[in-house]
PDB file of N, CA and C in Angstrom:
ATOM      1  N   MET A   1       0.827  -1.205   0.048  1.00  0.00           N
ATOM      2  CA  MET A   1       0.003   0.042  -0.003  1.00  0.00           C
ATOM      3  C   MET A   1       0.817   1.276   0.004  1.00  0.00           C
ATOM      4  N   THR A   2       0.701   2.165  -1.000  1.00  0.00           N
ATOM      5  CA  THR A   2       1.557   3.399  -0.992  1.00  0.00           C
ATOM      6  C   THR A   2       0.735   4.551  -0.462  1.00  0.00           C
ATOM      7  N   GLU A   3       1.516   5.428   0.196  1.00  0.00           N
ATOM      8  CA  GLU A   3       0.824   6.634   0.714  1.00  0.00           C
ATOM      9  C   GLU A   3       0.518   7.583  -0.442  1.00  0.00           C
ATOM     10  N   GLU A   4      -0.537   8.189  -0.467  1.00  0.00           N
ATOM     11  CA  GLU A   4      -0.853   9.287  -1.460  1.00  0.00           C
ATOM     12  C   GLU A   4      -0.335  10.683  -0.844  1.00  0.00           C
ATOM     13  N   LYS A   5       0.191  11.360  -1.687  1.00  0.00           N
ATOM     14  CA  LYS A   5       0.487  12.723  -1.297  1.00  0.00           C
ATOM     15  C   LYS A   5      -0.627  13.719  -1.309  1.00  0.00           C
ATOM     16  N   PRO A   6      -0.843  14.520  -0.266  1.00  0.00           N
ATOM     17  CA  PRO A   6      -2.007  15.383  -0.305  1.00  0.00           C
ATOM     18  C   PRO A   6      -1.939  16.303  -1.542  1.00  0.00           C
ATOM     19  N   GLU A   7      -3.096  16.671  -1.964  1.00  0.00           N
ATOM     20  CA  GLU A   7      -3.255  17.353  -3.211  1.00  0.00           C
ATOM     21  C   GLU A   7      -2.761  18.844  -3.133  1.00  0.00           C
ATOM     22  N   LEU A   8      -2.599  19.325  -1.915  1.00  0.00           N
ATOM     23  CA  LEU A   8      -2.141  20.666  -1.617  1.00  0.00           C
ATOM     24  C   LEU A   8      -0.845  20.629  -0.868  1.00  0.00           C
ATOM     25  N   SER A   9       0.013  21.648  -1.106  1.00  0.00           N
ATOM     26  CA  SER A   9       1.115  21.728  -0.360  1.00  0.00           C
ATOM     27  C   SER A   9       0.822  22.187   1.118  1.00  0.00           C
ATOM     28  N   TYR A  10       1.719  22.033   1.983  1.00  0.00           N
ATOM     29  CA  TYR A  10       1.397  22.472   3.361  1.00  0.00           C
ATOM     30  C   TYR A  10       1.011  23.892   3.381  1.00  0.00           C
ATOM     31  N   GLU A  11       1.880  24.721   2.677  1.00  0.00           N
ATOM     32  CA  GLU A  11       1.597  26.230   2.654  1.00  0.00           C
ATOM     33  C   GLU A  11       0.166  26.575   2.045  1.00  0.00           C
ATOM     34  N   GLN A  12      -0.130  25.883   0.932  1.00  0.00           N
ATOM     35  CA  GLN A  12      -1.497  26.164   0.299  1.00  0.00           C
ATOM     36  C   GLN A  12      -2.576  25.777   1.294  1.00  0.00           C
ATOM     37  N   ALA A  13      -2.496  24.561   1.909  1.00  0.00           N
ATOM     38  CA  ALA A  13      -3.587  24.179   2.848  1.00  0.00           C
ATOM     39  C   ALA A  13      -3.600  25.133   4.005  1.00  0.00           C
ATOM     40  N   ARG A  14      -2.595  25.497   4.586  1.00  0.00           N
ATOM     41  CA  ARG A  14      -2.525  26.473   5.693  1.00  0.00           C
ATOM     42  C   ARG A  14      -3.090  27.789   5.347  1.00  0.00           C
ATOM     43  N   ASP A  15      -2.710  28.253   4.211  1.00  0.00           N
ATOM     44  CA  ASP A  15      -3.287  29.592   3.871  1.00  0.00           C
ATOM     45  C   ASP A  15      -4.829  29.535   3.591  1.00  0.00           C
ATOM     46  N   GLU A  16      -5.228  28.457   2.944  1.00  0.00           N
ATOM     47  CA  GLU A  16      -6.641  28.319   2.741  1.00  0.00           C
ATOM     48  C   GLU A  16      -7.486  28.070   4.050  1.00  0.00           C
ATOM     49  N   LEU A  17      -6.865  27.318   4.937  1.00  0.00           N
ATOM     50  CA  LEU A  17      -7.501  27.174   6.278  1.00  0.00           C
ATOM     51  C   LEU A  17      -7.502  28.478   7.049  1.00  0.00           C
ATOM     52  N   THR A  18      -6.578  29.281   6.999  1.00  0.00           N
ATOM     53  CA  THR A  18      -6.592  30.622   7.502  1.00  0.00           C
ATOM     54  C   THR A  18      -7.636  31.498   7.056  1.00  0.00           C
ATOM     55  N   ASP A  19      -7.907  31.280   5.711  1.00  0.00           N
ATOM     56  CA  ASP A  19      -9.112  32.104   5.067  1.00  0.00           C
ATOM     57  C   ASP A  19     -10.443  31.504   5.585  1.00  0.00           C
ATOM     58  N   VAL A  20     -10.522  30.169   5.605  1.00  0.00           N
ATOM     59  CA  VAL A  20     -11.673  29.671   6.112  1.00  0.00           C
ATOM     60  C   VAL A  20     -12.038  30.036   7.475  1.00  0.00           C
ATOM     61  N   VAL A  21     -11.046  30.059   8.390  1.00  0.00           N
ATOM     62  CA  VAL A  21     -11.253  30.573   9.796  1.00  0.00           C
ATOM     63  C   VAL A  21     -11.714  32.061   9.802  1.00  0.00           C
ATOM     64  N   ARG A  22     -11.048  32.788   9.142  1.00  0.00           N
ATOM     65  CA  ARG A  22     -11.294  34.293   8.951  1.00  0.00           C
ATOM     66  C   ARG A  22     -12.817  34.464   8.502  1.00  0.00           C
ATOM     67  N   ARG A  23     -13.227  33.700   7.536  1.00  0.00           N
ATOM     68  CA  ARG A  23     -14.638  33.784   6.925  1.00  0.00           C
ATOM     69  C   ARG A  23     -15.639  33.305   8.055  1.00  0.00           C
ATOM     70  N   LEU A  24     -15.332  32.197   8.769  1.00  0.00           N
ATOM     71  CA  LEU A  24     -16.221  31.753   9.779  1.00  0.00           C
ATOM     72  C   LEU A  24     -16.198  32.782  10.936  1.00  0.00           C
ATOM     73  N   GLU A  25     -15.156  33.420  11.280  1.00  0.00           N
ATOM     74  CA  GLU A  25     -15.190  34.364  12.423  1.00  0.00           C
ATOM     75  C   GLU A  25     -15.878  35.609  11.985  1.00  0.00           C
ATOM     76  N   ALA A  26     -15.816  35.987  10.705  1.00  0.00           N
ATOM     77  CA  ALA A  26     -16.508  37.140  10.324  1.00  0.00           C
ATOM     78  C   ALA A  26     -18.049  37.083  10.549  1.00  0.00           C
ATOM     79  N   GLY A  27     -18.640  35.891  10.471  1.00  0.00           N
ATOM     80  CA  GLY A  27     -20.023  35.698  10.584  1.00  0.00           C
ATOM     81  C   GLY A  27     -20.799  36.166   9.265  1.00  0.00           C
ATOM     82  N   GLY A  28     -22.080  36.124   9.504  1.00  0.00           N
ATOM     83  CA  GLY A  28     -22.982  36.558   8.358  1.00  0.00           C
ATOM     84  C   GLY A  28     -23.231  35.538   7.356  1.00  0.00           C
ATOM     85  N   LEU A  29     -22.857  34.258   7.723  1.00  0.00           N
ATOM     86  CA  LEU A  29     -23.079  33.228   6.829  1.00  0.00           C
ATOM     87  C   LEU A  29     -24.380  32.370   7.222  1.00  0.00           C
ATOM     88  N   THR A  30     -24.996  31.675   6.181  1.00  0.00           N
ATOM     89  CA  THR A  30     -26.038  30.852   6.519  1.00  0.00           C
ATOM     90  C   THR A  30     -25.560  29.616   7.304  1.00  0.00           C
ATOM     91  N   LEU A  31     -26.355  28.879   7.847  1.00  0.00           N
ATOM     92  CA  LEU A  31     -26.020  27.659   8.632  1.00  0.00           C
ATOM     93  C   LEU A  31     -25.226  26.700   7.626  1.00  0.00           C
ATOM     94  N   GLU A  32     -25.820  26.564   6.442  1.00  0.00           N
ATOM     95  CA  GLU A  32     -25.306  25.620   5.442  1.00  0.00           C
ATOM     96  C   GLU A  32     -23.855  26.120   4.994  1.00  0.00           C
ATOM     97  N   GLU A  33     -23.788  27.469   4.707  1.00  0.00           N
ATOM     98  CA  GLU A  33     -22.391  27.945   4.347  1.00  0.00           C
ATOM     99  C   GLU A  33     -21.423  27.679   5.491  1.00  0.00           C
ATOM    100  N   SER A  34     -21.825  27.899   6.710  1.00  0.00           N
ATOM    101  CA  SER A  34     -20.941  27.622   7.837  1.00  0.00           C
ATOM    102  C   SER A  34     -20.535  26.154   7.996  1.00  0.00           C
ATOM    103  N   LEU A  35     -21.453  25.316   7.821  1.00  0.00           N
ATOM    104  CA  LEU A  35     -21.172  23.855   7.805  1.00  0.00           C
ATOM    105  C   LEU A  35     -20.264  23.513   6.718  1.00  0.00           C
ATOM    106  N   THR A  36     -20.430  24.007   5.485  1.00  0.00           N
ATOM    107  CA  THR A  36     -19.561  23.671   4.412  1.00  0.00           C
ATOM    108  C   THR A  36     -18.104  24.068   4.613  1.00  0.00           C
ATOM    109  N   LEU A  37     -18.097  25.373   5.201  1.00  0.00           N
ATOM    110  CA  LEU A  37     -16.671  26.017   5.521  1.00  0.00           C
ATOM    111  C   LEU A  37     -16.040  25.079   6.643  1.00  0.00           C
ATOM    112  N   TRP A  38     -16.813  24.748   7.604  1.00  0.00           N
ATOM    113  CA  TRP A  38     -16.257  23.903   8.639  1.00  0.00           C
ATOM    114  C   TRP A  38     -15.647  22.597   8.165  1.00  0.00           C
ATOM    115  N   GLN A  39     -16.496  22.015   7.345  1.00  0.00           N
ATOM    116  CA  GLN A  39     -16.016  20.675   6.713  1.00  0.00           C
ATOM    117  C   GLN A  39     -14.759  20.990   5.967  1.00  0.00           C
ATOM    118  N   ARG A  40     -14.665  21.892   5.112  1.00  0.00           N
ATOM    119  CA  ARG A  40     -13.491  22.275   4.322  1.00  0.00           C
ATOM    120  C   ARG A  40     -12.339  22.545   5.248  1.00  0.00           C
ATOM    121  N   GLY A  41     -12.629  23.279   6.342  1.00  0.00           N
ATOM    122  CA  GLY A  41     -11.522  23.521   7.315  1.00  0.00           C
ATOM    123  C   GLY A  41     -10.998  22.187   7.905  1.00  0.00           C
ATOM    124  N   GLU A  42     -11.956  21.299   8.253  1.00  0.00           N
ATOM    125  CA  GLU A  42     -11.402  20.011   8.854  1.00  0.00           C
ATOM    126  C   GLU A  42     -10.522  19.267   7.897  1.00  0.00           C
ATOM    127  N   LYS A  43     -10.908  19.336   6.582  1.00  0.00           N
ATOM    128  CA  LYS A  43     -10.072  18.599   5.645  1.00  0.00           C
ATOM    129  C   LYS A  43      -8.780  19.199   5.473  1.00  0.00           C
ATOM    130  N   LEU A  44      -8.766  20.562   5.457  1.00  0.00           N
ATOM    131  CA  LEU A  44      -7.490  21.220   5.302  1.00  0.00           C
ATOM    132  C   LEU A  44      -6.615  21.093   6.535  1.00  0.00           C
ATOM    133  N   ALA A  45      -7.144  21.057   7.721  1.00  0.00           N
ATOM    134  CA  ALA A  45      -6.310  20.751   8.928  1.00  0.00           C
ATOM    135  C   ALA A  45      -5.786  19.274   8.859  1.00  0.00           C
ATOM    136  N   GLY A  46      -6.518  18.392   8.293  1.00  0.00           N
ATOM    137  CA  GLY A  46      -6.004  17.057   8.184  1.00  0.00           C
ATOM    138  C   GLY A  46      -4.858  17.013   7.184  1.00  0.00           C
ATOM    139  N   ILE A  47      -4.860  17.797   6.067  1.00  0.00           N
ATOM    140  CA  ILE A  47      -3.810  17.857   5.100  1.00  0.00           C
ATOM    141  C   ILE A  47      -2.597  18.496   5.856  1.00  0.00           C
ATOM    142  N   CYS A  48      -2.729  19.552   6.606  1.00  0.00           N
ATOM    143  CA  CYS A  48      -1.699  20.120   7.200  1.00  0.00           C
ATOM    144  C   CYS A  48      -0.985  19.106   8.257  1.00  0.00           C
ATOM    145  N   GLU A  49      -1.816  18.340   8.950  1.00  0.00           N
ATOM    146  CA  GLU A  49      -1.284  17.377   9.932  1.00  0.00           C
ATOM    147  C   GLU A  49      -0.573  16.257   9.125  1.00  0.00           C
ATOM    148  N   GLU A  50      -0.987  15.877   8.026  1.00  0.00           N
ATOM    149  CA  GLU A  50      -0.223  14.852   7.165  1.00  0.00           C
ATOM    150  C   GLU A  50       1.139  15.374   6.810  1.00  0.00           C
ATOM    151  N   TRP A  51       1.201  16.599   6.448  1.00  0.00           N
ATOM    152  CA  TRP A  51       2.512  17.153   6.104  1.00  0.00           C
ATOM    153  C   TRP A  51       3.388  17.241   7.334  1.00  0.00           C
ATOM    154  N   LEU A  52       2.902  17.717   8.424  1.00  0.00           N
ATOM    155  CA  LEU A  52       3.637  17.865   9.656  1.00  0.00           C
ATOM    156  C   LEU A  52       4.117  16.516  10.103  1.00  0.00           C
ATOM    157  N   GLU A  53       3.295  15.403  10.102  1.00  0.00           N
ATOM    158  CA  GLU A  53       3.693  14.201  10.524  1.00  0.00           C
ATOM    159  C   GLU A  53       4.863  13.568   9.680  1.00  0.00           C
ATOM    160  N   GLY A  54       4.740  13.881   8.284  1.00  0.00           N
ATOM    161  CA  GLY A  54       5.828  13.515   7.392  1.00  0.00           C
ATOM    162  C   GLY A  54       7.103  14.229   7.732  1.00  0.00           C
ATOM    163  N   ALA A  55       6.916  15.559   8.083  1.00  0.00           N
ATOM    164  CA  ALA A  55       8.171  16.218   8.338  1.00  0.00           C
ATOM    165  C   ALA A  55       8.815  15.715   9.646  1.00  0.00           C
ATOM    166  N   ARG A  56       7.945  15.467  10.666  1.00  0.00           N
ATOM    167  CA  ARG A  56       8.534  14.998  11.900  1.00  0.00           C
ATOM    168  C   ARG A  56       9.228  13.618  11.584  1.00  0.00           C
ATOM    169  N   ALA A  57       8.576  12.769  10.842  1.00  0.00           N
ATOM    170  CA  ALA A  57       9.289  11.385  10.561  1.00  0.00           C
ATOM    171  C   ALA A  57      10.643  11.657   9.976  1.00  0.00           C
ATOM    172  N   ARG A  58      10.657  12.577   8.960  1.00  0.00           N
ATOM    173  CA  ARG A  58      11.910  12.786   8.160  1.00  0.00           C
ATOM    174  C   ARG A  58      12.972  13.278   9.167  1.00  0.00           C
ATOM    175  N   LEU A  59      12.577  14.327  10.116  1.00  0.00           N
ATOM    176  CA  LEU A  59      13.489  14.880  11.006  1.00  0.00           C
ATOM    177  C   LEU A  59      14.004  13.775  12.012  1.00  0.00           C
ATOM    178  N   ALA A  60      13.068  12.885  12.511  1.00  0.00           N
ATOM    179  CA  ALA A  60      13.519  11.854  13.431  1.00  0.00           C
ATOM    180  C   ALA A  60      14.491  10.894  12.676  1.00  0.00           C
ATOM    181  N   ALA A  61      14.185  10.593  11.443  1.00  0.00           N
ATOM    182  CA  ALA A  61      15.073   9.657  10.833  1.00  0.00           C
ATOM    183  C   ALA A  61      16.490  10.350  10.509  1.00  0.00           C
ATOM    184  N   ALA A  62      16.569  11.624  10.117  1.00  0.00           N
ATOM    185  CA  ALA A  62      17.798  12.402  10.020  1.00  0.00           C
ATOM    186  C   ALA A  62      18.593  12.451  11.312  1.00  0.00           C
ATOM    187  N   MET A  63      17.849  12.693  12.393  1.00  0.00           N
ATOM    188  CA  MET A  63      18.537  12.791  13.648  1.00  0.00           C
ATOM    189  C   MET A  63      19.056  11.453  14.110  1.00  0.00           C
ATOM    190  N   SER A  64      18.281  10.361  13.705  1.00  0.00           N
ATOM    191  CA  SER A  64      18.731   9.057  14.222  1.00  0.00           C
ATOM    192  C   SER A  64      19.965   8.648  13.357  1.00  0.00           C
ATOM    193  N   GLU A  65      20.090   8.877  12.205  1.00  0.00           N
ATOM    194  CA  GLU A  65      21.196   8.705  11.332  1.00  0.00           C
ATOM    195  C   GLU A  65      22.393   9.327  11.837  1.00  0.00           C
ATOM    196  N   ARG A  66      22.204  10.565  12.204  1.00  0.00           N
ATOM    197  CA  ARG A  66      23.326  11.473  12.740  1.00  0.00           C
ATOM    198  C   ARG A  66      23.881  10.977  14.039  1.00  0.00           C
ATOM    199  N   ALA A  67      22.980  10.359  14.972  1.00  0.00           N
ATOM    200  CA  ALA A  67      23.335   9.894  16.230  1.00  0.00           C
ATOM    201  C   ALA A  67      23.979   8.535  16.190  1.00  0.00           C
ATOM    202  N   GLU A  68      23.782   7.718  15.236  1.00  0.00           N
ATOM    203  CA  GLU A  68      24.312   6.390  15.194  1.00  0.00           C
ATOM    204  C   GLU A  68      25.778   6.480  14.890  1.00  0.00           C
ATOM    205  N   PRO A  69      26.667   5.824  15.711  1.00  0.00           N
ATOM    206  CA  PRO A  69      28.149   5.848  15.432  1.00  0.00           C
ATOM    207  C   PRO A  69      28.325   4.909  14.199  1.00  0.00           C
ATOM    208  N   SER A  70      29.307   5.309  13.445  1.00  0.00           N
ATOM    209  CA  SER A  70      29.619   4.521  12.162  1.00  0.00           C
ATOM    210  C   SER A  70      30.085   3.132  12.512  1.00  0.00           C
ATOM    211  N   ALA A  71      29.796   2.178  11.757  1.00  0.00           N
ATOM    212  CA  ALA A  71      30.077   0.767  12.065  1.00  0.00           C
ATOM    213  C   ALA A  71      31.622   0.454  11.949  1.00  0.00           C
ATOM    214  N   GLU A  72      32.240   1.262  10.981  1.00  0.00           N
ATOM    215  CA  GLU A  72      33.703   1.000  10.847  1.00  0.00           C
ATOM    216  C   GLU A  72      34.506   2.337  11.247  1.00  0.00           C
ATOM    217  N   PRO A  73      35.561   2.235  11.900  1.00  0.00           N
ATOM    218  CA  PRO A  73      36.351   3.387  12.233  1.00  0.00           C
ATOM    219  C   PRO A  73      36.903   3.991  10.982  1.00  0.00           C
ATOM    220  N   ALA A  74      37.124   5.333  11.043  1.00  0.00           N
ATOM    221  CA  ALA A  74      37.628   6.044   9.933  1.00  0.00           C
ATOM    222  C   ALA A  74      39.183   5.699   9.758  1.00  0.00           C
ATOM    223  N   GLU A  75      39.629   5.591   8.553  1.00  0.00           N
ATOM    224  CA  GLU A  75      40.999   5.453   8.358  1.00  0.00           C
ATOM    225  C   GLU A  75      41.884   6.283   9.080  1.00  0.00           C
ATOM    226  N   GLY A  76      42.984   5.783   9.726  1.00  0.00           N
ATOM    227  CA  GLY A  76      43.904   6.570  10.467  1.00  0.00           C
ATOM    228  C   GLY A  76      43.406   6.742  11.904  1.00  0.00           C
ATOM    229  N   ALA A  77      42.300   6.225  12.331  1.00  0.00           N
ATOM    230  CA  ALA A  77      41.679   6.493  13.657  1.00  0.00           C
ATOM    231  C   ALA A  77      42.573   5.623  14.597  1.00  0.00           C
ATOM    232  N   PRO A  78      42.818   6.217  15.836  1.00  0.00           N
ATOM    233  CA  PRO A  78      43.721   5.540  16.753  1.00  0.00           C
ATOM    234  C   PRO A  78      43.004   4.237  17.382  1.00  0.00           C
ATOM    235  N   PHE A  79      41.771   4.037  17.244  1.00  0.00           N
ATOM    236  CA  PHE A  79      41.092   2.940  17.972  1.00  0.00           C
ATOM    237  C   PHE A  79      40.580   1.940  16.849  1.00  0.00           C
TER     238      PHE A  79
END
């Protein structure tokens, strides 16, 4: 099973989510419009979370690789 990449970049999803929140906070929407925006906001928040989880995993892997001592000593090493 392969992971699908979100259709939006993190920055695109974050910016659209910011706009959704701004529109909801401004008010003046019908109940149906508010629900539709809320649902879109939930989807966008999920996309952002996917990107952040991926970034956390990549960072953890990079830090793990850096922390592991090399299996073989470098040439000319005294030990």
